[in-house]
């Protein structure tokens, strides 16, 4: 997957390819596909985040909107993969919103 829009999940000014793992209420992004701890580039806490999808002629984007106004854009290579990620991220955000005292939902997904 590719992250952009400020970039590395909104942190830089360019587009970077990253691999993602959804785990324990966090979206973790890695520099390489093997997702070893040494390639971890950052995490995004999904508490109070909303997910939306944008489709264009050349890309399928997911947008994560944080309560603090941060916008994170993720691009999926296929519509099917974008839908899977949208559903997993939305479900995780919903679980976190329903149980703020327990920030570790059991739903996980990885690329």
PDB file of N, CA and C in Angstrom:
ATOM      1  N   UNK A   1       0.835  -1.173   0.000  1.00  0.00           N
ATOM      2  CA  UNK A   1       0.000   0.000   0.000  1.00  0.00           C
ATOM      3  C   UNK A   1       0.882   1.239   0.000  1.00  0.00           C
ATOM      4  N   UNK A   2       0.315   2.315  -0.418  1.00  0.00           N
ATOM      5  CA  UNK A   2       1.055   3.571  -0.468  1.00  0.00           C
ATOM      6  C   UNK A   2       0.383   4.562   0.462  1.00  0.00           C
ATOM      7  N   UNK A   3       1.161   5.310   1.165  1.00  0.00           N
ATOM      8  CA  UNK A   3       0.602   6.365   1.992  1.00  0.00           C
ATOM      9  C   UNK A   3       1.030   7.698   1.411  1.00  0.00           C
ATOM     10  N   UNK A   4       0.147   8.688   1.531  1.00  0.00           N
ATOM     11  CA  UNK A   4       0.488  10.002   1.002  1.00  0.00           C
ATOM     12  C   UNK A   4      -0.313  11.071   1.706  1.00  0.00           C
ATOM     13  N   UNK A   5      -0.250  12.271   1.188  1.00  0.00           N
ATOM     14  CA  UNK A   5      -1.044  13.361   1.705  1.00  0.00           C
ATOM     15  C   UNK A   5      -0.313  14.011   2.847  1.00  0.00           C
ATOM     16  N   UNK A   6       0.757  14.558   2.576  1.00  0.00           N
ATOM     17  CA  UNK A   6       1.627  14.985   3.629  1.00  0.00           C
ATOM     18  C   UNK A   6       2.670  13.888   3.736  1.00  0.00           C
ATOM     19  N   UNK A   7       2.432  12.768   3.390  1.00  0.00           N
ATOM     20  CA  UNK A   7       3.108  11.477   3.163  1.00  0.00           C
ATOM     21  C   UNK A   7       3.141  10.525   4.310  1.00  0.00           C
ATOM     22  N   UNK A   8       4.303   9.891   4.483  1.00  0.00           N
ATOM     23  CA  UNK A   8       4.346   8.754   5.397  1.00  0.00           C
ATOM     24  C   UNK A   8       3.254   8.958   6.426  1.00  0.00           C
ATOM     25  N   UNK A   9       2.087   8.619   6.030  1.00  0.00           N
ATOM     26  CA  UNK A   9       0.903   8.782   6.857  1.00  0.00           C
ATOM     27  C   UNK A   9       0.796  10.204   7.387  1.00  0.00           C
ATOM     28  N   UNK A  10       0.972  11.158   6.506  1.00  0.00           N
ATOM     29  CA  UNK A  10       0.780  12.550   6.863  1.00  0.00           C
ATOM     30  C   UNK A  10       1.958  13.206   7.558  1.00  0.00           C
ATOM     31  N   UNK A  11       3.105  12.548   7.586  1.00  0.00           N
ATOM     32  CA  UNK A  11       4.218  13.105   8.342  1.00  0.00           C
ATOM     33  C   UNK A  11       5.262  13.806   7.484  1.00  0.00           C
ATOM     34  N   UNK A  12       5.409  13.440   6.212  1.00  0.00           N
ATOM     35  CA  UNK A  12       6.418  14.037   5.346  1.00  0.00           C
ATOM     36  C   UNK A  12       5.759  14.696   4.141  1.00  0.00           C
ATOM     37  N   UNK A  13       6.568  15.206   3.210  1.00  0.00           N
ATOM     38  CA  UNK A  13       6.028  15.897   2.041  1.00  0.00           C
ATOM     39  C   UNK A  13       6.193  15.104   0.752  1.00  0.00           C
ATOM     40  N   UNK A  14       6.156  13.788   0.804  1.00  0.00           N
ATOM     41  CA  UNK A  14       6.257  12.965  -0.392  1.00  0.00           C
ATOM     42  C   UNK A  14       5.452  11.688  -0.194  1.00  0.00           C
ATOM     43  N   UNK A  15       5.282  10.942  -1.272  1.00  0.00           N
ATOM     44  CA  UNK A  15       4.565   9.680  -1.188  1.00  0.00           C
ATOM     45  C   UNK A  15       5.558   8.554  -0.996  1.00  0.00           C
ATOM     46  N   UNK A  16       5.270   7.675  -0.073  1.00  0.00           N
ATOM     47  CA  UNK A  16       6.142   6.547   0.234  1.00  0.00           C
ATOM     48  C   UNK A  16       5.339   5.257   0.199  1.00  0.00           C
ATOM     49  N   UNK A  17       5.975   4.182  -0.240  1.00  0.00           N
ATOM     50  CA  UNK A  17       5.347   2.876  -0.155  1.00  0.00           C
ATOM     51  C   UNK A  17       5.618   2.313   1.231  1.00  0.00           C
ATOM     52  N   UNK A  18       4.564   1.866   1.888  1.00  0.00           N
ATOM     53  CA  UNK A  18       4.671   1.288   3.223  1.00  0.00           C
ATOM     54  C   UNK A  18       3.783   0.050   3.286  1.00  0.00           C
ATOM     55  N   UNK A  19       4.100  -0.834   4.213  1.00  0.00           N
ATOM     56  CA  UNK A  19       3.278  -2.017   4.465  1.00  0.00           C
ATOM     57  C   UNK A  19       2.651  -1.833   5.832  1.00  0.00           C
ATOM     58  N   UNK A  20       1.393  -2.257   5.932  1.00  0.00           N
ATOM     59  CA  UNK A  20       0.613  -1.965   7.133  1.00  0.00           C
ATOM     60  C   UNK A  20       0.153  -3.228   7.842  1.00  0.00           C
ATOM     61  N   UNK A  21       0.019  -3.092   9.154  1.00  0.00           N
ATOM     62  CA  UNK A  21      -0.552  -4.154   9.984  1.00  0.00           C
ATOM     63  C   UNK A  21      -1.495  -3.479  10.969  1.00  0.00           C
ATOM     64  N   UNK A  22      -2.704  -3.997  11.039  1.00  0.00           N
ATOM     65  CA  UNK A  22      -3.705  -3.492  11.967  1.00  0.00           C
ATOM     66  C   UNK A  22      -3.710  -4.421  13.163  1.00  0.00           C
ATOM     67  N   UNK A  23      -3.391  -3.858  14.330  1.00  0.00           N
ATOM     68  CA  UNK A  23      -3.195  -4.711  15.491  1.00  0.00           C
ATOM     69  C   UNK A  23      -3.418  -3.922  16.783  1.00  0.00           C
ATOM     70  N   UNK A  24      -4.261  -4.460  17.652  1.00  0.00           N
ATOM     71  CA  UNK A  24      -4.439  -3.862  18.976  1.00  0.00           C
ATOM     72  C   UNK A  24      -4.884  -2.418  18.973  1.00  0.00           C
ATOM     73  N   UNK A  25      -5.743  -2.031  18.040  1.00  0.00           N
ATOM     74  CA  UNK A  25      -6.224  -0.653  18.002  1.00  0.00           C
ATOM     75  C   UNK A  25      -5.259   0.332  17.387  1.00  0.00           C
ATOM     76  N   UNK A  26      -4.199  -0.182  16.759  1.00  0.00           N
ATOM     77  CA  UNK A  26      -3.222   0.677  16.094  1.00  0.00           C
ATOM     78  C   UNK A  26      -2.999   0.223  14.657  1.00  0.00           C
ATOM     79  N   UNK A  27      -2.739   1.177  13.793  1.00  0.00           N
ATOM     80  CA  UNK A  27      -2.292   0.893  12.444  1.00  0.00           C
ATOM     81  C   UNK A  27      -0.785   1.105  12.459  1.00  0.00           C
ATOM     82  N   UNK A  28      -0.044   0.029  12.229  1.00  0.00           N
ATOM     83  CA  UNK A  28       1.424   0.094  12.248  1.00  0.00           C
ATOM     84  C   UNK A  28       1.922   0.092  10.816  1.00  0.00           C
ATOM     85  N   UNK A  29       2.876   0.944  10.521  1.00  0.00           N
ATOM     86  CA  UNK A  29       3.399   0.980   9.161  1.00  0.00           C
ATOM     87  C   UNK A  29       4.896   0.718   9.145  1.00  0.00           C
ATOM     88  N   UNK A  30       5.284  -0.085   8.134  1.00  0.00           N
ATOM     89  CA  UNK A  30       6.631  -0.624   8.029  1.00  0.00           C
ATOM     90  C   UNK A  30       7.271  -0.223   6.714  1.00  0.00           C
ATOM     91  N   UNK A  31       8.593  -0.213   6.713  1.00  0.00           N
ATOM     92  CA  UNK A  31       9.367   0.121   5.524  1.00  0.00           C
ATOM     93  C   UNK A  31       9.406  -1.036   4.528  1.00  0.00           C
ATOM     94  N   UNK A  32       9.335  -2.278   5.025  1.00  0.00           N
ATOM     95  CA  UNK A  32       9.410  -3.428   4.124  1.00  0.00           C
ATOM     96  C   UNK A  32       8.283  -4.412   4.395  1.00  0.00           C
ATOM     97  N   UNK A  33       8.056  -5.277   3.439  1.00  0.00           N
ATOM     98  CA  UNK A  33       6.935  -6.207   3.490  1.00  0.00           C
ATOM     99  C   UNK A  33       7.029  -7.226   4.623  1.00  0.00           C
ATOM    100  N   UNK A  34       8.227  -7.547   5.075  1.00  0.00           N
ATOM    101  CA  UNK A  34       8.361  -8.559   6.126  1.00  0.00           C
ATOM    102  C   UNK A  34       7.923  -8.055   7.506  1.00  0.00           C
ATOM    103  N   UNK A  35       7.699  -6.780   7.659  1.00  0.00           N
ATOM    104  CA  UNK A  35       7.145  -6.173   8.882  1.00  0.00           C
ATOM    105  C   UNK A  35       7.914  -6.571  10.148  1.00  0.00           C
ATOM    106  N   UNK A  36       9.226  -6.579  10.054  1.00  0.00           N
ATOM    107  CA  UNK A  36      10.055  -6.833  11.232  1.00  0.00           C
ATOM    108  C   UNK A  36      10.086  -5.580  12.099  1.00  0.00           C
ATOM    109  N   UNK A  37      10.266  -5.742  13.401  1.00  0.00           N
ATOM    110  CA  UNK A  37      10.325  -4.564  14.276  1.00  0.00           C
ATOM    111  C   UNK A  37      11.347  -3.518  13.825  1.00  0.00           C
ATOM    112  N   UNK A  38      12.440  -3.960  13.231  1.00  0.00           N
ATOM    113  CA  UNK A  38      13.468  -2.998  12.796  1.00  0.00           C
ATOM    114  C   UNK A  38      13.001  -2.140  11.616  1.00  0.00           C
ATOM    115  N   UNK A  39      11.946  -2.568  10.909  1.00  0.00           N
ATOM    116  CA  UNK A  39      11.451  -1.779   9.774  1.00  0.00           C
ATOM    117  C   UNK A  39      10.202  -0.966  10.134  1.00  0.00           C
ATOM    118  N   UNK A  40       9.786  -0.998  11.407  1.00  0.00           N
ATOM    119  CA  UNK A  40       8.635  -0.217  11.851  1.00  0.00           C
ATOM    120  C   UNK A  40       8.948   1.263  11.709  1.00  0.00           C
ATOM    121  N   UNK A  41       8.096   2.004  11.011  1.00  0.00           N
ATOM    122  CA  UNK A  41       8.298   3.433  10.804  1.00  0.00           C
ATOM    123  C   UNK A  41       7.371   4.274  11.665  1.00  0.00           C
ATOM    124  N   UNK A  42       6.290   3.685  12.188  1.00  0.00           N
ATOM    125  CA  UNK A  42       5.395   4.448  13.042  1.00  0.00           C
ATOM    126  C   UNK A  42       4.082   3.733  13.292  1.00  0.00           C
ATOM    127  N   UNK A  43       3.274   4.336  14.159  1.00  0.00           N
ATOM    128  CA  UNK A  43       1.966   3.800  14.480  1.00  0.00           C
ATOM    129  C   UNK A  43       0.942   4.927  14.490  1.00  0.00           C
ATOM    130  N   UNK A  44      -0.307   4.552  14.263  1.00  0.00           N
ATOM    131  CA  UNK A  44      -1.410   5.493  14.349  1.00  0.00           C
ATOM    132  C   UNK A  44      -2.443   4.878  15.287  1.00  0.00           C
ATOM    133  N   UNK A  45      -2.727   5.545  16.400  1.00  0.00           N
ATOM    134  CA  UNK A  45      -3.760   5.102  17.321  1.00  0.00           C
ATOM    135  C   UNK A  45      -5.113   5.381  16.665  1.00  0.00           C
ATOM    136  N   UNK A  46      -5.965   4.363  16.577  1.00  0.00           N
ATOM    137  CA  UNK A  46      -7.229   4.499  15.868  1.00  0.00           C
ATOM    138  C   UNK A  46      -8.395   4.945  16.746  1.00  0.00           C
ATOM    139  N   UNK A  47      -8.124   5.245  18.010  1.00  0.00           N
ATOM    140  CA  UNK A  47      -9.166   5.767  18.881  1.00  0.00           C
ATOM    141  C   UNK A  47      -9.578   7.151  18.375  1.00  0.00           C
ATOM    142  N   UNK A  48     -10.863   7.385  18.211  1.00  0.00           N
ATOM    143  CA  UNK A  48     -11.421   8.652  17.734  1.00  0.00           C
ATOM    144  C   UNK A  48     -11.017   8.987  16.299  1.00  0.00           C
ATOM    145  N   UNK A  49     -10.847   7.971  15.462  1.00  0.00           N
ATOM    146  CA  UNK A  49     -10.533   8.154  14.049  1.00  0.00           C
ATOM    147  C   UNK A  49     -11.736   7.719  13.223  1.00  0.00           C
ATOM    148  N   UNK A  50     -12.040   8.447  12.154  1.00  0.00           N
ATOM    149  CA  UNK A  50     -13.079   8.026  11.215  1.00  0.00           C
ATOM    150  C   UNK A  50     -12.412   7.668   9.893  1.00  0.00           C
ATOM    151  N   UNK A  51     -13.035   6.741   9.162  1.00  0.00           N
ATOM    152  CA  UNK A  51     -12.483   6.226   7.915  1.00  0.00           C
ATOM    153  C   UNK A  51     -13.420   6.574   6.775  1.00  0.00           C
ATOM    154  N   UNK A  52     -12.869   7.050   5.663  1.00  0.00           N
ATOM    155  CA  UNK A  52     -13.670   7.296   4.464  1.00  0.00           C
ATOM    156  C   UNK A  52     -12.901   6.788   3.245  1.00  0.00           C
ATOM    157  N   UNK A  53     -13.631   6.579   2.155  1.00  0.00           N
ATOM    158  CA  UNK A  53     -13.016   6.091   0.913  1.00  0.00           C
ATOM    159  C   UNK A  53     -13.212   7.113  -0.187  1.00  0.00           C
ATOM    160  N   UNK A  54     -12.198   7.222  -1.051  1.00  0.00           N
ATOM    161  CA  UNK A  54     -12.273   8.084  -2.229  1.00  0.00           C
ATOM    162  C   UNK A  54     -11.778   7.261  -3.407  1.00  0.00           C
ATOM    163  N   UNK A  55     -12.537   7.259  -4.485  1.00  0.00           N
ATOM    164  CA  UNK A  55     -12.145   6.500  -5.672  1.00  0.00           C
ATOM    165  C   UNK A  55     -11.926   7.474  -6.828  1.00  0.00           C
ATOM    166  N   UNK A  56     -10.831   7.270  -7.542  1.00  0.00           N
ATOM    167  CA  UNK A  56     -10.571   8.081  -8.729  1.00  0.00           C
ATOM    168  C   UNK A  56     -10.251   7.134  -9.877  1.00  0.00           C
ATOM    169  N   UNK A  57      -9.977   7.662 -11.028  1.00  0.00           N
ATOM    170  CA  UNK A  57      -9.713   6.817 -12.192  1.00  0.00           C
ATOM    171  C   UNK A  57      -8.429   6.013 -12.070  1.00  0.00           C
ATOM    172  N   UNK A  58      -7.496   6.458 -11.231  1.00  0.00           N
ATOM    173  CA  UNK A  58      -6.220   5.760 -11.138  1.00  0.00           C
ATOM    174  C   UNK A  58      -5.910   5.162  -9.765  1.00  0.00           C
ATOM    175  N   UNK A  59      -6.713   5.458  -8.749  1.00  0.00           N
ATOM    176  CA  UNK A  59      -6.367   4.960  -7.415  1.00  0.00           C
ATOM    177  C   UNK A  59      -7.598   4.848  -6.529  1.00  0.00           C
ATOM    178  N   UNK A  60      -7.490   3.995  -5.541  1.00  0.00           N
ATOM    179  CA  UNK A  60      -8.496   3.870  -4.492  1.00  0.00           C
ATOM    180  C   UNK A  60      -7.823   4.355  -3.217  1.00  0.00           C
ATOM    181  N   UNK A  61      -8.360   5.393  -2.606  1.00  0.00           N
ATOM    182  CA  UNK A  61      -7.761   5.946  -1.400  1.00  0.00           C
ATOM    183  C   UNK A  61      -8.670   5.750  -0.198  1.00  0.00           C
ATOM    184  N   UNK A  62      -8.052   5.474   0.924  1.00  0.00           N
ATOM    185  CA  UNK A  62      -8.727   5.510   2.212  1.00  0.00           C
ATOM    186  C   UNK A  62      -8.193   6.729   2.936  1.00  0.00           C
ATOM    187  N   UNK A  63      -9.072   7.407   3.645  1.00  0.00           N
ATOM    188  CA  UNK A  63      -8.639   8.556   4.421  1.00  0.00           C
ATOM    189  C   UNK A  63      -8.999   8.323   5.875  1.00  0.00           C
ATOM    190  N   UNK A  64      -8.037   8.548   6.741  1.00  0.00           N
ATOM    191  CA  UNK A  64      -8.260   8.461   8.178  1.00  0.00           C
ATOM    192  C   UNK A  64      -8.264   9.880   8.719  1.00  0.00           C
ATOM    193  N   UNK A  65      -9.329  10.231   9.426  1.00  0.00           N
ATOM    194  CA  UNK A  65      -9.478  11.572   9.993  1.00  0.00           C
ATOM    195  C   UNK A  65      -9.412  11.447  11.508  1.00  0.00           C
ATOM    196  N   UNK A  66      -8.415  12.061  12.118  1.00  0.00           N
ATOM    197  CA  UNK A  66      -8.295  11.999  13.575  1.00  0.00           C
ATOM    198  C   UNK A  66      -9.073  13.138  14.204  1.00  0.00           C
ATOM    199  N   UNK A  67      -9.381  12.962  15.479  1.00  0.00           N
ATOM    200  CA  UNK A  67     -10.125  13.968  16.218  1.00  0.00           C
ATOM    201  C   UNK A  67      -9.368  15.300  16.254  1.00  0.00           C
ATOM    202  N   UNK A  68      -8.044  15.250  16.220  1.00  0.00           N
ATOM    203  CA  UNK A  68      -7.223  16.457  16.257  1.00  0.00           C
ATOM    204  C   UNK A  68      -7.059  17.138  14.910  1.00  0.00           C
ATOM    205  N   UNK A  69      -7.712  16.625  13.864  1.00  0.00           N
ATOM    206  CA  UNK A  69      -7.650  17.237  12.552  1.00  0.00           C
ATOM    207  C   UNK A  69      -6.605  16.660  11.617  1.00  0.00           C
ATOM    208  N   UNK A  70      -5.861  15.683  12.060  1.00  0.00           N
ATOM    209  CA  UNK A  70      -4.849  15.051  11.205  1.00  0.00           C
ATOM    210  C   UNK A  70      -5.533  14.211  10.132  1.00  0.00           C
ATOM    211  N   UNK A  71      -5.072  14.328   8.895  1.00  0.00           N
ATOM    212  CA  UNK A  71      -5.598  13.563   7.772  1.00  0.00           C
ATOM    213  C   UNK A  71      -4.511  12.640   7.249  1.00  0.00           C
ATOM    214  N   UNK A  72      -4.812  11.366   7.187  1.00  0.00           N
ATOM    215  CA  UNK A  72      -3.874  10.367   6.697  1.00  0.00           C
ATOM    216  C   UNK A  72      -4.495   9.715   5.475  1.00  0.00           C
ATOM    217  N   UNK A  73      -3.774   9.733   4.351  1.00  0.00           N
ATOM    218  CA  UNK A  73      -4.276   9.140   3.116  1.00  0.00           C
ATOM    219  C   UNK A  73      -3.512   7.859   2.814  1.00  0.00           C
ATOM    220  N   UNK A  74      -4.264   6.797   2.539  1.00  0.00           N
ATOM    221  CA  UNK A  74      -3.690   5.507   2.183  1.00  0.00           C
ATOM    222  C   UNK A  74      -4.231   5.103   0.826  1.00  0.00           C
ATOM    223  N   UNK A  75      -3.391   4.548   0.000  1.00  0.00           N
ATOM    224  CA  UNK A  75      -3.806   4.130  -1.343  1.00  0.00           C
ATOM    225  C   UNK A  75      -3.644   2.626  -1.469  1.00  0.00           C
ATOM    226  N   UNK A  76      -4.700   1.954  -1.941  1.00  0.00           N
ATOM    227  CA  UNK A  76      -4.659   0.502  -2.131  1.00  0.00           C
ATOM    228  C   UNK A  76      -4.503   0.188  -3.615  1.00  0.00           C
ATOM    229  N   UNK A  77      -3.830  -0.919  -3.939  1.00  0.00           N
ATOM    230  CA  UNK A  77      -3.616  -1.259  -5.345  1.00  0.00           C
ATOM    231  C   UNK A  77      -4.861  -1.777  -6.057  1.00  0.00           C
ATOM    232  N   UNK A  78      -5.845  -2.293  -5.303  1.00  0.00           N
ATOM    233  CA  UNK A  78      -7.083  -2.794  -5.926  1.00  0.00           C
ATOM    234  C   UNK A  78      -8.290  -2.349  -5.113  1.00  0.00           C
ATOM    235  N   UNK A  79      -9.443  -2.318  -5.756  1.00  0.00           N
ATOM    236  CA  UNK A  79     -10.683  -1.962  -5.069  1.00  0.00           C
ATOM    237  C   UNK A  79     -11.024  -2.992  -3.998  1.00  0.00           C
ATOM    238  N   UNK A  80     -10.769  -4.263  -4.288  1.00  0.00           N
ATOM    239  CA  UNK A  80     -11.066  -5.331  -3.319  1.00  0.00           C
ATOM    240  C   UNK A  80     -10.244  -5.152  -2.049  1.00  0.00           C
ATOM    241  N   UNK A  81      -8.962  -4.884  -2.202  1.00  0.00           N
ATOM    242  CA  UNK A  81      -8.096  -4.681  -1.043  1.00  0.00           C
ATOM    243  C   UNK A  81      -8.485  -3.413  -0.277  1.00  0.00           C
ATOM    244  N   UNK A  82      -8.842  -2.378  -0.993  1.00  0.00           N
ATOM    245  CA  UNK A  82      -9.285  -1.139  -0.343  1.00  0.00           C
ATOM    246  C   UNK A  82     -10.529  -1.398   0.498  1.00  0.00           C
ATOM    247  N   UNK A  83     -11.467  -2.180  -0.023  1.00  0.00           N
ATOM    248  CA  UNK A  83     -12.687  -2.494   0.714  1.00  0.00           C
ATOM    249  C   UNK A  83     -12.370  -3.314   1.961  1.00  0.00           C
ATOM    250  N   UNK A  84     -11.473  -4.292   1.830  1.00  0.00           N
ATOM    251  CA  UNK A  84     -11.088  -5.099   2.992  1.00  0.00           C
ATOM    252  C   UNK A  84     -10.470  -4.227   4.080  1.00  0.00           C
ATOM    253  N   UNK A  85      -9.568  -3.323   3.695  1.00  0.00           N
ATOM    254  CA  UNK A  85      -8.952  -2.435   4.666  1.00  0.00           C
ATOM    255  C   UNK A  85      -9.964  -1.457   5.252  1.00  0.00           C
ATOM    256  N   UNK A  86     -10.841  -0.931   4.410  1.00  0.00           N
ATOM    257  CA  UNK A  86     -11.872  -0.007   4.897  1.00  0.00           C
ATOM    258  C   UNK A  86     -12.722  -0.692   5.959  1.00  0.00           C
ATOM    259  N   UNK A  87     -13.154  -1.912   5.679  1.00  0.00           N
ATOM    260  CA  UNK A  87     -13.992  -2.641   6.634  1.00  0.00           C
ATOM    261  C   UNK A  87     -13.241  -2.935   7.931  1.00  0.00           C
ATOM    262  N   UNK A  88     -12.001  -3.391   7.829  1.00  0.00           N
ATOM    263  CA  UNK A  88     -11.209  -3.712   9.023  1.00  0.00           C
ATOM    264  C   UNK A  88     -10.929  -2.466   9.866  1.00  0.00           C
ATOM    265  N   UNK A  89     -10.551  -1.368   9.209  1.00  0.00           N
ATOM    266  CA  UNK A  89     -10.278  -0.128   9.934  1.00  0.00           C
ATOM    267  C   UNK A  89     -11.544   0.428  10.575  1.00  0.00           C
ATOM    268  N   UNK A  90     -12.653   0.414   9.834  1.00  0.00           N
ATOM    269  CA  UNK A  90     -13.919   0.925  10.365  1.00  0.00           C
ATOM    270  C   UNK A  90     -14.384   0.111  11.561  1.00  0.00           C
ATOM    271  N   UNK A  91     -14.277  -1.213  11.463  1.00  0.00           N
ATOM    272  CA  UNK A  91     -14.682  -2.089  12.567  1.00  0.00           C
ATOM    273  C   UNK A  91     -13.827  -1.833  13.803  1.00  0.00           C
ATOM    274  N   UNK A  92     -12.539  -1.683  13.607  1.00  0.00           N
ATOM    275  CA  UNK A  92     -11.643  -1.412  14.731  1.00  0.00           C
ATOM    276  C   UNK A  92     -11.984  -0.076  15.385  1.00  0.00           C
ATOM    277  N   UNK A  93     -12.199   0.954  14.579  1.00  0.00           N
ATOM    278  CA  UNK A  93     -12.547   2.275  15.116  1.00  0.00           C
ATOM    279  C   UNK A  93     -13.864   2.219  15.887  1.00  0.00           C
ATOM    280  N   UNK A  94     -14.824   1.466  15.368  1.00  0.00           N
ATOM    281  CA  UNK A  94     -16.112   1.320  16.043  1.00  0.00           C
ATOM    282  C   UNK A  94     -15.946   0.601  17.380  1.00  0.00           C
ATOM    283  N   UNK A  95     -15.170  -0.468  17.402  1.00  0.00           N
ATOM    284  CA  UNK A  95     -14.923  -1.195  18.653  1.00  0.00           C
ATOM    285  C   UNK A  95     -14.235  -0.311  19.688  1.00  0.00           C
ATOM    286  N   UNK A  96     -13.279   0.482  19.239  1.00  0.00           N
ATOM    287  CA  UNK A  96     -12.579   1.384  20.152  1.00  0.00           C
ATOM    288  C   UNK A  96     -13.520   2.449  20.715  1.00  0.00           C
ATOM    289  N   UNK A  97     -14.421   2.954  19.878  1.00  0.00           N
ATOM    290  CA  UNK A  97     -15.362   3.983  20.315  1.00  0.00           C
ATOM    291  C   UNK A  97     -16.368   3.426  21.318  1.00  0.00           C
ATOM    292  N   UNK A  98     -16.736   2.153  21.167  1.00  0.00           N
ATOM    293  CA  UNK A  98     -17.713   1.536  22.065  1.00  0.00           C
ATOM    294  C   UNK A  98     -17.120   1.180  23.413  1.00  0.00           C
ATOM    295  N   UNK A  99     -15.836   0.890  23.462  1.00  0.00           N
ATOM    296  CA  UNK A  99     -15.223   0.476  24.727  1.00  0.00           C
ATOM    297  C   UNK A  99     -13.939   1.252  24.989  1.00  0.00           C
ATOM    298  N   UNK A 100     -14.056   2.537  25.333  1.00  0.00           N
ATOM    299  CA  UNK A 100     -12.862   3.354  25.526  1.00  0.00           C
ATOM    300  C   UNK A 100     -11.957   2.872  26.657  1.00  0.00           C
ATOM    301  N   UNK A 101     -12.488   2.090  27.602  1.00  0.00           N
ATOM    302  CA  UNK A 101     -11.635   1.604  28.680  1.00  0.00           C
ATOM    303  C   UNK A 101     -10.778   0.419  28.245  1.00  0.00           C
ATOM    304  N   UNK A 102     -11.185  -0.277  27.172  1.00  0.00           N
ATOM    305  CA  UNK A 102     -10.418  -1.404  26.646  1.00  0.00           C
ATOM    306  C   UNK A 102      -9.967  -1.055  25.257  1.00  0.00           C
ATOM    307  N   UNK A 103      -8.719  -0.655  25.072  1.00  0.00           N
ATOM    308  CA  UNK A 103      -8.209  -0.177  23.803  1.00  0.00           C
ATOM    309  C   UNK A 103      -7.584  -1.276  22.952  1.00  0.00           C
ATOM    310  N   UNK A 104      -7.903  -2.543  23.230  1.00  0.00           N
ATOM    311  CA  UNK A 104      -7.294  -3.648  22.484  1.00  0.00           C
ATOM    312  C   UNK A 104      -8.343  -4.552  21.879  1.00  0.00           C
ATOM    313  N   UNK A 105      -8.989  -4.141  20.773  1.00  0.00           N
ATOM    314  CA  UNK A 105      -9.985  -5.001  20.145  1.00  0.00           C
ATOM    315  C   UNK A 105      -9.310  -6.254  19.572  1.00  0.00           C
ATOM    316  N   UNK A 106     -10.097  -7.284  19.397  1.00  0.00           N
ATOM    317  CA  UNK A 106      -9.533  -8.535  18.917  1.00  0.00           C
ATOM    318  C   UNK A 106      -9.437  -8.589  17.401  1.00  0.00           C
ATOM    319  N   UNK A 107     -10.118  -7.709  16.689  1.00  0.00           N
ATOM    320  CA  UNK A 107     -10.078  -7.727  15.220  1.00  0.00           C
ATOM    321  C   UNK A 107      -8.722  -7.241  14.729  1.00  0.00           C
ATOM    322  N   UNK A 108      -8.084  -8.035  13.848  1.00  0.00           N
ATOM    323  CA  UNK A 108      -6.804  -7.632  13.264  1.00  0.00           C
ATOM    324  C   UNK A 108      -6.801  -7.950  11.795  1.00  0.00           C
ATOM    325  N   UNK A 109      -5.968  -7.259  11.053  1.00  0.00           N
ATOM    326  CA  UNK A 109      -5.777  -7.538   9.624  1.00  0.00           C
ATOM    327  C   UNK A 109      -4.334  -7.181   9.294  1.00  0.00           C
ATOM    328  N   UNK A 110      -3.796  -7.831   8.315  1.00  0.00           N
ATOM    329  CA  UNK A 110      -2.458  -7.473   7.877  1.00  0.00           C
ATOM    330  C   UNK A 110      -2.364  -7.581   6.380  1.00  0.00           C
ATOM    331  N   UNK A 111      -1.403  -6.882   5.812  1.00  0.00           N
ATOM    332  CA  UNK A 111      -1.247  -6.895   4.364  1.00  0.00           C
ATOM    333  C   UNK A 111      -0.325  -7.987   3.934  1.00  0.00           C
TER     334      UNK A 111
END
